[in-house]
Amino acid sequence: MTLSDDALDQLFREARTHNAWLPKAIDDALLRQIVSLTVMGPTSANSSPGRFVFVKTAEAKEKLRPALSAGNVGKTMAAPVTVIVGMDMAFYEHLPKLFPHADARSWFVGNDEAIRATAFRNASLQGAYLIMAARALGLDAGPMSGFDAVKVDEAFFAGTTIKSNFLINLGYGDRSTLHARNPRFSFDEAARIA
């Protein structure tokens, strides 16, 4: 089955990265729906290292503020929700549950390079799945780098094995503030068939 053109527009062709937000709250039940879809996306060995903090309250936003680069402060404070996409550097401890048909935990124990690469790659994938899930459920997203990861980790992940990867503002975007879409590569510029 192929998705309708309307669905493809919502997910890709008409979807935009938003920096301005309408003053409309996001219900916690919708955030739970987003996560329930996000965790269904594939990760290597079902490693699922992504961890998500939905920064929603005024108190939590103020906790995040000092870690933001200057250009990201205004839009993040205005967004109804900011997601900290984290990566659990001890994700392999959960592999006996998540990938029970092999001793996948042993692939990572003591292998710091494999841990780092797998956590970063797969948590990044899960962050992208979260963006697509949010779009599928009617929200807009504004993913960002532009923050001090050490400060975020101290404020939100102290005493854990989780490290921050990137941030995503979520809400109902104000389309009136959008610029024309930036160019994209053609197939021949971005891909080849071998």
N, C-alpha and C. Protein backbone atom coordinates (compact mmCIF):
# COMPACT_ATOMS: atom_id res chain seq x y z
N MET A 1 0.83 -1.18 0.00
CA MET A 1 0.00 0.00 0.00
C MET A 1 0.88 1.24 0.00
N THR A 2 0.55 2.20 -0.81
CA THR A 2 1.26 3.46 -0.89
C THR A 2 0.47 4.54 -0.16
N LEU A 3 1.16 5.41 0.56
CA LEU A 3 0.47 6.52 1.23
C LEU A 3 -0.11 7.48 0.20
N SER A 4 -1.15 8.17 0.60
CA SER A 4 -1.78 9.15 -0.28
C SER A 4 -0.84 10.34 -0.48
N ASP A 5 -1.11 11.11 -1.54
CA ASP A 5 -0.34 12.33 -1.76
C ASP A 5 -0.48 13.29 -0.59
N ASP A 6 -1.66 13.35 0.00
CA ASP A 6 -1.85 14.22 1.17
C ASP A 6 -0.93 13.81 2.32
N ALA A 7 -0.82 12.51 2.55
CA ALA A 7 0.05 12.02 3.63
C ALA A 7 1.51 12.31 3.32
N LEU A 8 1.91 12.10 2.06
CA LEU A 8 3.30 12.38 1.67
C LEU A 8 3.61 13.87 1.78
N ASP A 9 2.62 14.71 1.44
CA ASP A 9 2.81 16.15 1.62
C ASP A 9 3.01 16.49 3.08
N GLN A 10 2.18 15.91 3.96
CA GLN A 10 2.26 16.20 5.39
C GLN A 10 3.59 15.76 5.99
N LEU A 11 4.08 14.62 5.55
CA LEU A 11 5.32 14.08 6.11
C LEU A 11 6.57 14.67 5.49
N PHE A 12 6.53 14.99 4.19
CA PHE A 12 7.75 15.37 3.47
C PHE A 12 7.62 16.65 2.65
N ARG A 13 6.78 16.62 1.62
CA ARG A 13 6.82 17.66 0.59
C ARG A 13 6.41 19.04 1.09
N GLU A 14 5.41 19.09 1.97
CA GLU A 14 4.95 20.37 2.50
C GLU A 14 5.43 20.62 3.93
N ALA A 15 6.01 19.62 4.55
CA ALA A 15 6.51 19.78 5.93
C ALA A 15 7.72 20.70 5.92
N ARG A 16 7.83 21.49 6.96
CA ARG A 16 8.92 22.46 7.06
C ARG A 16 9.53 22.44 8.45
N THR A 17 10.75 22.93 8.56
CA THR A 17 11.37 23.14 9.86
C THR A 17 10.85 24.47 10.39
N HIS A 18 10.23 24.43 11.55
CA HIS A 18 9.60 25.63 12.10
C HIS A 18 10.45 26.27 13.19
N ASN A 19 10.39 27.61 13.21
CA ASN A 19 11.09 28.40 14.22
C ASN A 19 10.15 29.31 15.00
N ALA A 20 8.89 29.40 14.56
CA ALA A 20 7.89 30.22 15.25
C ALA A 20 6.66 29.36 15.49
N TRP A 21 6.02 29.60 16.62
CA TRP A 21 4.98 28.68 17.08
C TRP A 21 3.70 29.39 17.44
N LEU A 22 2.59 28.75 17.16
CA LEU A 22 1.30 29.25 17.59
C LEU A 22 1.13 28.91 19.08
N PRO A 23 0.44 29.75 19.84
CA PRO A 23 0.28 29.51 21.28
C PRO A 23 -0.78 28.44 21.55
N LYS A 24 -0.44 27.21 21.21
CA LYS A 24 -1.37 26.10 21.38
C LYS A 24 -0.63 24.97 22.10
N ALA A 25 -1.17 24.54 23.22
CA ALA A 25 -0.52 23.51 24.04
C ALA A 25 -0.59 22.14 23.37
N ILE A 26 0.32 21.28 23.79
CA ILE A 26 0.34 19.89 23.33
C ILE A 26 0.02 19.00 24.53
N ASP A 27 -1.00 18.19 24.38
CA ASP A 27 -1.43 17.30 25.45
C ASP A 27 -0.41 16.17 25.66
N ASP A 28 -0.24 15.75 26.91
CA ASP A 28 0.69 14.66 27.21
C ASP A 28 0.32 13.37 26.49
N ALA A 29 -0.96 13.15 26.26
CA ALA A 29 -1.38 11.94 25.56
C ALA A 29 -0.83 11.90 24.14
N LEU A 30 -0.71 13.06 23.51
CA LEU A 30 -0.14 13.14 22.16
C LEU A 30 1.36 12.82 22.19
N LEU A 31 2.04 13.29 23.21
CA LEU A 31 3.47 12.97 23.36
C LEU A 31 3.66 11.46 23.55
N ARG A 32 2.77 10.83 24.28
CA ARG A 32 2.85 9.38 24.47
C ARG A 32 2.61 8.65 23.15
N GLN A 33 1.68 9.16 22.33
CA GLN A 33 1.44 8.57 21.02
C GLN A 33 2.69 8.68 20.14
N ILE A 34 3.34 9.83 20.19
CA ILE A 34 4.55 10.04 19.40
C ILE A 34 5.61 9.01 19.78
N VAL A 35 5.81 8.80 21.07
CA VAL A 35 6.82 7.84 21.51
C VAL A 35 6.42 6.42 21.11
N SER A 36 5.14 6.10 21.21
CA SER A 36 4.71 4.74 20.85
C SER A 36 4.96 4.45 19.38
N LEU A 37 4.91 5.46 18.52
CA LEU A 37 5.25 5.28 17.12
C LEU A 37 6.77 5.27 16.92
N THR A 38 7.45 6.17 17.60
CA THR A 38 8.91 6.29 17.46
C THR A 38 9.62 4.99 17.75
N VAL A 39 9.23 4.32 18.83
CA VAL A 39 9.96 3.11 19.23
C VAL A 39 9.72 1.94 18.28
N MET A 40 8.78 2.09 17.35
CA MET A 40 8.54 1.03 16.38
C MET A 40 9.52 1.09 15.20
N GLY A 41 10.22 2.20 15.04
CA GLY A 41 11.20 2.32 13.95
C GLY A 41 12.40 1.42 14.17
N PRO A 42 13.01 0.94 13.08
CA PRO A 42 14.13 0.02 13.23
C PRO A 42 15.41 0.66 13.76
N THR A 43 16.10 -0.09 14.61
CA THR A 43 17.46 0.25 15.06
C THR A 43 18.27 -1.03 14.97
N SER A 44 19.59 -0.88 14.87
CA SER A 44 20.42 -2.07 14.72
C SER A 44 20.32 -2.94 15.96
N ALA A 45 20.08 -4.23 15.74
CA ALA A 45 19.89 -5.21 16.82
C ALA A 45 18.81 -4.75 17.80
N ASN A 46 17.84 -3.97 17.30
CA ASN A 46 16.78 -3.43 18.14
C ASN A 46 17.35 -2.73 19.37
N SER A 47 18.52 -2.10 19.19
CA SER A 47 19.26 -1.52 20.32
C SER A 47 18.51 -0.38 21.02
N SER A 48 17.72 0.38 20.30
CA SER A 48 16.84 1.39 20.89
C SER A 48 17.52 2.27 21.94
N PRO A 49 18.64 2.93 21.59
CA PRO A 49 19.33 3.75 22.59
C PRO A 49 18.70 5.12 22.82
N GLY A 50 17.74 5.51 22.01
CA GLY A 50 17.13 6.82 22.15
C GLY A 50 16.38 6.97 23.47
N ARG A 51 16.60 8.11 24.11
CA ARG A 51 15.87 8.46 25.31
C ARG A 51 15.37 9.89 25.11
N PHE A 52 14.17 10.20 25.56
CA PHE A 52 13.53 11.46 25.22
C PHE A 52 13.01 12.16 26.46
N VAL A 53 13.41 13.41 26.61
CA VAL A 53 12.88 14.26 27.68
C VAL A 53 12.05 15.34 27.00
N PHE A 54 10.76 15.40 27.33
CA PHE A 54 9.86 16.40 26.78
C PHE A 54 9.84 17.59 27.73
N VAL A 55 10.57 18.61 27.39
CA VAL A 55 10.70 19.81 28.21
C VAL A 55 9.49 20.70 27.92
N LYS A 56 8.61 20.79 28.90
CA LYS A 56 7.31 21.41 28.66
C LYS A 56 6.97 22.50 29.67
N THR A 57 7.33 22.30 30.91
CA THR A 57 6.97 23.27 31.95
C THR A 57 7.90 24.49 31.89
N ALA A 58 7.42 25.60 32.45
CA ALA A 58 8.24 26.82 32.52
C ALA A 58 9.52 26.55 33.29
N GLU A 59 9.41 25.79 34.36
CA GLU A 59 10.59 25.47 35.19
C GLU A 59 11.62 24.68 34.38
N ALA A 60 11.17 23.68 33.64
CA ALA A 60 12.09 22.86 32.84
C ALA A 60 12.69 23.68 31.71
N LYS A 61 11.90 24.57 31.10
CA LYS A 61 12.42 25.43 30.03
C LYS A 61 13.54 26.33 30.57
N GLU A 62 13.36 26.86 31.78
CA GLU A 62 14.39 27.71 32.38
C GLU A 62 15.65 26.90 32.69
N LYS A 63 15.48 25.65 33.02
CA LYS A 63 16.62 24.76 33.26
C LYS A 63 17.41 24.53 31.96
N LEU A 64 16.69 24.52 30.84
CA LEU A 64 17.32 24.31 29.53
C LEU A 64 17.96 25.57 28.98
N ARG A 65 17.39 26.72 29.30
CA ARG A 65 17.81 28.00 28.71
C ARG A 65 19.33 28.23 28.71
N PRO A 66 20.05 28.03 29.84
CA PRO A 66 21.49 28.34 29.84
C PRO A 66 22.31 27.49 28.88
N ALA A 67 21.77 26.37 28.43
CA ALA A 67 22.51 25.49 27.54
C ALA A 67 22.30 25.84 26.06
N LEU A 68 21.35 26.72 25.76
CA LEU A 68 21.01 27.03 24.38
C LEU A 68 21.93 28.10 23.79
N SER A 69 22.27 27.95 22.52
CA SER A 69 22.98 29.02 21.83
C SER A 69 22.03 30.20 21.68
N ALA A 70 22.58 31.39 21.54
CA ALA A 70 21.77 32.62 21.53
C ALA A 70 20.67 32.56 20.48
N GLY A 71 20.97 32.03 19.31
CA GLY A 71 19.99 31.98 18.23
C GLY A 71 18.84 31.01 18.46
N ASN A 72 18.98 30.15 19.44
CA ASN A 72 17.94 29.15 19.70
C ASN A 72 17.08 29.45 20.93
N VAL A 73 17.43 30.50 21.67
CA VAL A 73 16.71 30.77 22.92
C VAL A 73 15.27 31.16 22.67
N GLY A 74 15.02 32.16 21.85
CA GLY A 74 13.66 32.66 21.65
C GLY A 74 12.70 31.61 21.14
N LYS A 75 13.11 30.89 20.10
CA LYS A 75 12.20 29.90 19.50
C LYS A 75 11.98 28.72 20.43
N THR A 76 12.97 28.39 21.24
CA THR A 76 12.82 27.27 22.17
C THR A 76 11.93 27.65 23.34
N MET A 77 12.07 28.86 23.84
CA MET A 77 11.21 29.30 24.93
C MET A 77 9.76 29.42 24.47
N ALA A 78 9.55 29.74 23.19
CA ALA A 78 8.20 29.90 22.65
C ALA A 78 7.56 28.57 22.25
N ALA A 79 8.36 27.55 21.98
CA ALA A 79 7.81 26.26 21.55
C ALA A 79 7.04 25.62 22.70
N PRO A 80 5.90 25.02 22.41
CA PRO A 80 5.15 24.34 23.48
C PRO A 80 5.95 23.22 24.15
N VAL A 81 6.77 22.53 23.37
CA VAL A 81 7.57 21.42 23.90
C VAL A 81 8.92 21.42 23.20
N THR A 82 9.97 21.15 23.95
CA THR A 82 11.29 20.89 23.36
C THR A 82 11.70 19.50 23.79
N VAL A 83 12.03 18.68 22.82
CA VAL A 83 12.46 17.31 23.11
C VAL A 83 13.98 17.26 23.16
N ILE A 84 14.51 16.77 24.25
CA ILE A 84 15.93 16.44 24.29
C ILE A 84 16.05 15.00 23.83
N VAL A 85 16.67 14.81 22.69
CA VAL A 85 16.92 13.46 22.19
C VAL A 85 18.25 13.02 22.77
N GLY A 86 18.17 12.06 23.66
CA GLY A 86 19.37 11.54 24.30
C GLY A 86 19.71 10.16 23.79
N MET A 87 20.89 9.70 24.18
CA MET A 87 21.32 8.35 23.81
C MET A 87 21.88 7.67 25.05
N ASP A 88 21.34 6.51 25.35
CA ASP A 88 21.78 5.75 26.51
C ASP A 88 23.05 5.00 26.14
N MET A 89 24.15 5.39 26.75
CA MET A 89 25.45 4.78 26.44
C MET A 89 25.57 3.38 27.04
N ALA A 90 24.59 2.96 27.81
CA ALA A 90 24.54 1.59 28.33
C ALA A 90 23.36 0.84 27.70
N PHE A 91 22.99 1.22 26.49
CA PHE A 91 21.86 0.59 25.80
C PHE A 91 22.01 -0.92 25.72
N TYR A 92 23.24 -1.40 25.63
CA TYR A 92 23.51 -2.84 25.45
C TYR A 92 23.06 -3.67 26.64
N GLU A 93 22.90 -3.03 27.79
CA GLU A 93 22.42 -3.77 28.97
C GLU A 93 20.97 -4.23 28.79
N HIS A 94 20.26 -3.60 27.86
CA HIS A 94 18.86 -3.96 27.60
C HIS A 94 18.71 -4.95 26.45
N LEU A 95 19.81 -5.33 25.82
CA LEU A 95 19.72 -6.22 24.66
C LEU A 95 19.20 -7.62 25.00
N PRO A 96 19.47 -8.17 26.18
CA PRO A 96 18.85 -9.48 26.49
C PRO A 96 17.33 -9.44 26.39
N LYS A 97 16.72 -8.30 26.71
CA LYS A 97 15.27 -8.14 26.57
C LYS A 97 14.89 -7.81 25.13
N LEU A 98 15.60 -6.85 24.52
CA LEU A 98 15.21 -6.31 23.21
C LEU A 98 15.64 -7.16 22.03
N PHE A 99 16.68 -7.99 22.21
CA PHE A 99 17.22 -8.82 21.12
C PHE A 99 17.56 -10.18 21.70
N PRO A 100 16.54 -10.92 22.17
CA PRO A 100 16.77 -12.11 22.98
C PRO A 100 17.30 -13.34 22.24
N HIS A 101 17.26 -13.34 20.93
CA HIS A 101 17.65 -14.54 20.20
C HIS A 101 19.16 -14.64 19.94
N ALA A 102 19.93 -13.66 20.44
CA ALA A 102 21.40 -13.71 20.32
C ALA A 102 22.01 -13.03 21.54
N ASP A 103 23.25 -13.32 21.81
CA ASP A 103 23.95 -12.67 22.92
C ASP A 103 24.53 -11.34 22.43
N ALA A 104 23.65 -10.42 22.05
CA ALA A 104 24.08 -9.15 21.48
C ALA A 104 24.79 -8.26 22.50
N ARG A 105 24.49 -8.43 23.76
CA ARG A 105 25.17 -7.64 24.78
C ARG A 105 26.68 -7.82 24.69
N SER A 106 27.11 -9.04 24.42
CA SER A 106 28.55 -9.33 24.35
C SER A 106 29.24 -8.62 23.19
N TRP A 107 28.50 -8.19 22.20
CA TRP A 107 29.08 -7.46 21.07
C TRP A 107 29.59 -6.09 21.49
N PHE A 108 29.08 -5.59 22.62
CA PHE A 108 29.37 -4.20 23.01
C PHE A 108 30.17 -4.06 24.30
N VAL A 109 30.03 -4.98 25.22
CA VAL A 109 30.71 -4.85 26.51
C VAL A 109 32.21 -4.68 26.28
N GLY A 110 32.76 -3.57 26.79
CA GLY A 110 34.19 -3.30 26.66
C GLY A 110 34.60 -2.74 25.31
N ASN A 111 33.67 -2.56 24.39
CA ASN A 111 33.98 -2.05 23.06
C ASN A 111 33.44 -0.62 22.94
N ASP A 112 34.21 0.33 23.48
CA ASP A 112 33.74 1.71 23.57
C ASP A 112 33.41 2.31 22.21
N GLU A 113 34.20 2.00 21.18
CA GLU A 113 33.94 2.56 19.85
C GLU A 113 32.61 2.05 19.30
N ALA A 114 32.33 0.77 19.45
CA ALA A 114 31.06 0.21 18.98
C ALA A 114 29.89 0.80 19.77
N ILE A 115 30.08 1.01 21.06
CA ILE A 115 29.03 1.61 21.89
C ILE A 115 28.73 3.02 21.40
N ARG A 116 29.78 3.84 21.25
CA ARG A 116 29.59 5.23 20.81
C ARG A 116 28.91 5.30 19.45
N ALA A 117 29.44 4.54 18.49
CA ALA A 117 28.90 4.60 17.13
C ALA A 117 27.45 4.12 17.08
N THR A 118 27.17 3.03 17.76
CA THR A 118 25.82 2.46 17.74
C THR A 118 24.83 3.36 18.46
N ALA A 119 25.22 3.92 19.61
CA ALA A 119 24.34 4.81 20.36
C ALA A 119 24.03 6.06 19.53
N PHE A 120 25.06 6.67 18.96
CA PHE A 120 24.85 7.90 18.20
C PHE A 120 24.02 7.65 16.95
N ARG A 121 24.38 6.65 16.18
CA ARG A 121 23.67 6.38 14.93
C ARG A 121 22.20 6.07 15.18
N ASN A 122 21.94 5.19 16.12
CA ASN A 122 20.58 4.72 16.32
C ASN A 122 19.72 5.70 17.10
N ALA A 123 20.29 6.45 18.03
CA ALA A 123 19.51 7.50 18.70
C ALA A 123 19.18 8.61 17.71
N SER A 124 20.10 8.89 16.77
CA SER A 124 19.81 9.88 15.72
C SER A 124 18.65 9.41 14.86
N LEU A 125 18.68 8.13 14.49
CA LEU A 125 17.55 7.56 13.74
C LEU A 125 16.26 7.72 14.52
N GLN A 126 16.29 7.40 15.79
CA GLN A 126 15.08 7.49 16.59
C GLN A 126 14.58 8.92 16.72
N GLY A 127 15.50 9.88 16.77
CA GLY A 127 15.09 11.28 16.76
C GLY A 127 14.39 11.64 15.45
N ALA A 128 14.89 11.10 14.34
CA ALA A 128 14.24 11.34 13.05
C ALA A 128 12.87 10.67 13.01
N TYR A 129 12.77 9.47 13.57
CA TYR A 129 11.45 8.82 13.64
C TYR A 129 10.49 9.66 14.46
N LEU A 130 11.00 10.27 15.53
CA LEU A 130 10.15 11.10 16.38
C LEU A 130 9.61 12.29 15.58
N ILE A 131 10.46 12.91 14.76
CA ILE A 131 10.01 14.02 13.92
C ILE A 131 8.89 13.55 12.98
N MET A 132 9.09 12.41 12.35
CA MET A 132 8.09 11.91 11.41
C MET A 132 6.80 11.51 12.13
N ALA A 133 6.92 10.94 13.32
CA ALA A 133 5.73 10.59 14.10
C ALA A 133 4.96 11.86 14.49
N ALA A 134 5.69 12.88 14.91
CA ALA A 134 5.05 14.15 15.27
C ALA A 134 4.31 14.73 14.06
N ARG A 135 4.97 14.74 12.92
CA ARG A 135 4.33 15.25 11.70
C ARG A 135 3.10 14.41 11.35
N ALA A 136 3.20 13.11 11.47
CA ALA A 136 2.08 12.23 11.14
C ALA A 136 0.88 12.50 12.04
N LEU A 137 1.14 12.97 13.26
CA LEU A 137 0.07 13.24 14.22
C LEU A 137 -0.33 14.71 14.25
N GLY A 138 0.12 15.47 13.25
CA GLY A 138 -0.36 16.84 13.09
C GLY A 138 0.49 17.94 13.70
N LEU A 139 1.65 17.61 14.24
CA LEU A 139 2.53 18.62 14.81
C LEU A 139 3.60 19.03 13.80
N ASP A 140 4.25 20.14 14.09
CA ASP A 140 5.41 20.60 13.34
C ASP A 140 6.64 20.44 14.22
N ALA A 141 7.80 20.40 13.59
CA ALA A 141 9.04 20.18 14.32
C ALA A 141 10.12 21.15 13.87
N GLY A 142 11.01 21.45 14.79
CA GLY A 142 12.17 22.28 14.51
C GLY A 142 13.39 21.68 15.17
N PRO A 143 14.06 20.72 14.49
CA PRO A 143 15.26 20.10 15.09
C PRO A 143 16.42 21.09 15.14
N MET A 144 17.27 20.95 16.16
CA MET A 144 18.37 21.89 16.37
C MET A 144 19.61 21.20 16.91
N SER A 145 20.76 21.72 16.52
CA SER A 145 22.00 21.48 17.25
C SER A 145 22.11 22.69 18.17
N GLY A 146 23.12 23.51 18.08
CA GLY A 146 23.15 24.79 18.77
C GLY A 146 22.85 24.77 20.25
N PHE A 147 23.52 23.88 20.99
CA PHE A 147 23.36 23.86 22.45
C PHE A 147 24.61 23.28 23.06
N ASP A 148 24.79 23.51 24.34
CA ASP A 148 25.93 23.00 25.08
C ASP A 148 25.53 21.65 25.69
N ALA A 149 26.02 20.57 25.10
CA ALA A 149 25.63 19.23 25.52
C ALA A 149 26.03 18.94 26.97
N VAL A 150 27.16 19.46 27.40
CA VAL A 150 27.60 19.23 28.78
C VAL A 150 26.58 19.84 29.75
N LYS A 151 26.12 21.05 29.46
CA LYS A 151 25.14 21.70 30.33
C LYS A 151 23.80 20.96 30.32
N VAL A 152 23.38 20.50 29.15
CA VAL A 152 22.13 19.74 29.07
C VAL A 152 22.25 18.46 29.87
N ASP A 153 23.38 17.77 29.70
CA ASP A 153 23.58 16.51 30.42
C ASP A 153 23.60 16.72 31.93
N GLU A 154 24.23 17.79 32.38
CA GLU A 154 24.26 18.09 33.82
C GLU A 154 22.86 18.41 34.34
N ALA A 155 22.09 19.14 33.55
CA ALA A 155 20.77 19.58 34.00
C ALA A 155 19.72 18.48 33.94
N PHE A 156 19.82 17.58 32.95
CA PHE A 156 18.74 16.62 32.72
C PHE A 156 19.15 15.15 32.86
N PHE A 157 20.44 14.85 32.76
CA PHE A 157 20.86 13.44 32.77
C PHE A 157 21.92 13.13 33.83
N ALA A 158 22.10 14.00 34.79
CA ALA A 158 23.12 13.77 35.82
C ALA A 158 22.87 12.44 36.52
N GLY A 159 23.94 11.68 36.73
CA GLY A 159 23.84 10.41 37.44
C GLY A 159 23.30 9.27 36.59
N THR A 160 23.17 9.49 35.27
CA THR A 160 22.68 8.44 34.38
C THR A 160 23.74 8.11 33.33
N THR A 161 23.44 7.17 32.49
CA THR A 161 24.33 6.81 31.37
C THR A 161 23.86 7.46 30.07
N ILE A 162 22.98 8.44 30.17
CA ILE A 162 22.41 9.09 28.99
C ILE A 162 23.17 10.37 28.67
N LYS A 163 23.44 10.58 27.38
CA LYS A 163 24.08 11.80 26.87
C LYS A 163 23.15 12.42 25.84
N SER A 164 23.15 13.75 25.77
CA SER A 164 22.28 14.43 24.81
C SER A 164 22.86 14.32 23.40
N ASN A 165 21.95 14.26 22.42
CA ASN A 165 22.32 14.15 21.02
C ASN A 165 21.89 15.42 20.27
N PHE A 166 20.59 15.71 20.23
CA PHE A 166 20.11 16.95 19.63
C PHE A 166 18.76 17.31 20.23
N LEU A 167 18.24 18.47 19.85
CA LEU A 167 16.98 18.98 20.37
C LEU A 167 15.97 19.11 19.25
N ILE A 168 14.69 18.98 19.60
CA ILE A 168 13.61 19.18 18.64
C ILE A 168 12.52 20.01 19.30
N ASN A 169 12.23 21.18 18.74
CA ASN A 169 11.07 21.93 19.19
C ASN A 169 9.84 21.34 18.51
N LEU A 170 8.77 21.17 19.27
CA LEU A 170 7.51 20.64 18.75
C LEU A 170 6.38 21.62 19.03
N GLY A 171 5.45 21.66 18.12
CA GLY A 171 4.27 22.49 18.31
C GLY A 171 3.50 22.61 17.02
N TYR A 172 2.68 23.65 16.99
CA TYR A 172 1.93 23.98 15.79
C TYR A 172 2.61 25.21 15.21
N GLY A 173 3.33 25.01 14.11
CA GLY A 173 4.15 26.07 13.55
C GLY A 173 3.34 27.20 12.97
N ASP A 174 3.91 28.39 13.08
CA ASP A 174 3.31 29.58 12.49
C ASP A 174 3.81 29.69 11.05
N ARG A 175 3.01 29.22 10.11
CA ARG A 175 3.41 29.17 8.70
C ARG A 175 3.63 30.56 8.10
N SER A 176 3.06 31.58 8.72
CA SER A 176 3.21 32.94 8.17
C SER A 176 4.64 33.44 8.28
N THR A 177 5.46 32.80 9.10
CA THR A 177 6.84 33.25 9.30
C THR A 177 7.84 32.50 8.42
N LEU A 178 7.37 31.53 7.67
CA LEU A 178 8.29 30.70 6.88
C LEU A 178 8.81 31.45 5.66
N HIS A 179 10.07 31.22 5.36
CA HIS A 179 10.68 31.68 4.11
C HIS A 179 10.37 30.64 3.03
N ALA A 180 10.67 30.97 1.79
CA ALA A 180 10.53 29.98 0.72
C ALA A 180 11.42 28.79 1.04
N ARG A 181 11.00 27.62 0.62
CA ARG A 181 11.78 26.41 0.89
C ARG A 181 13.15 26.52 0.23
N ASN A 182 14.17 26.13 0.96
CA ASN A 182 15.51 26.09 0.40
C ASN A 182 15.62 24.99 -0.64
N PRO A 183 16.56 25.12 -1.57
CA PRO A 183 16.70 24.11 -2.62
C PRO A 183 17.07 22.74 -2.03
N ARG A 184 16.73 21.71 -2.78
CA ARG A 184 17.10 20.34 -2.45
C ARG A 184 17.86 19.75 -3.63
N PHE A 185 18.68 18.75 -3.36
CA PHE A 185 19.40 18.06 -4.43
C PHE A 185 18.45 17.24 -5.28
N SER A 186 18.79 17.10 -6.53
CA SER A 186 18.09 16.15 -7.41
C SER A 186 18.61 14.75 -7.11
N PHE A 187 17.94 13.76 -7.68
CA PHE A 187 18.40 12.38 -7.52
C PHE A 187 19.86 12.26 -7.94
N ASP A 188 20.20 12.78 -9.11
CA ASP A 188 21.56 12.62 -9.64
C ASP A 188 22.62 13.33 -8.81
N GLU A 189 22.21 14.38 -8.10
CA GLU A 189 23.16 15.08 -7.21
C GLU A 189 23.36 14.34 -5.90
N ALA A 190 22.35 13.61 -5.45
CA ALA A 190 22.41 13.01 -4.12
C ALA A 190 22.56 11.50 -4.13
N ALA A 191 22.36 10.88 -5.29
CA ALA A 191 22.30 9.42 -5.28
C ALA A 191 22.81 8.84 -6.59
N ARG A 192 23.08 7.56 -6.56
CA ARG A 192 23.39 6.81 -7.77
C ARG A 192 22.94 5.38 -7.57
N ILE A 193 22.66 4.71 -8.63
CA ILE A 193 22.28 3.31 -8.58
C ILE A 193 23.47 2.51 -9.07
N ALA A 194 23.96 1.61 -8.25
CA ALA A 194 25.18 0.85 -8.61
C ALA A 194 24.80 -0.56 -9.06
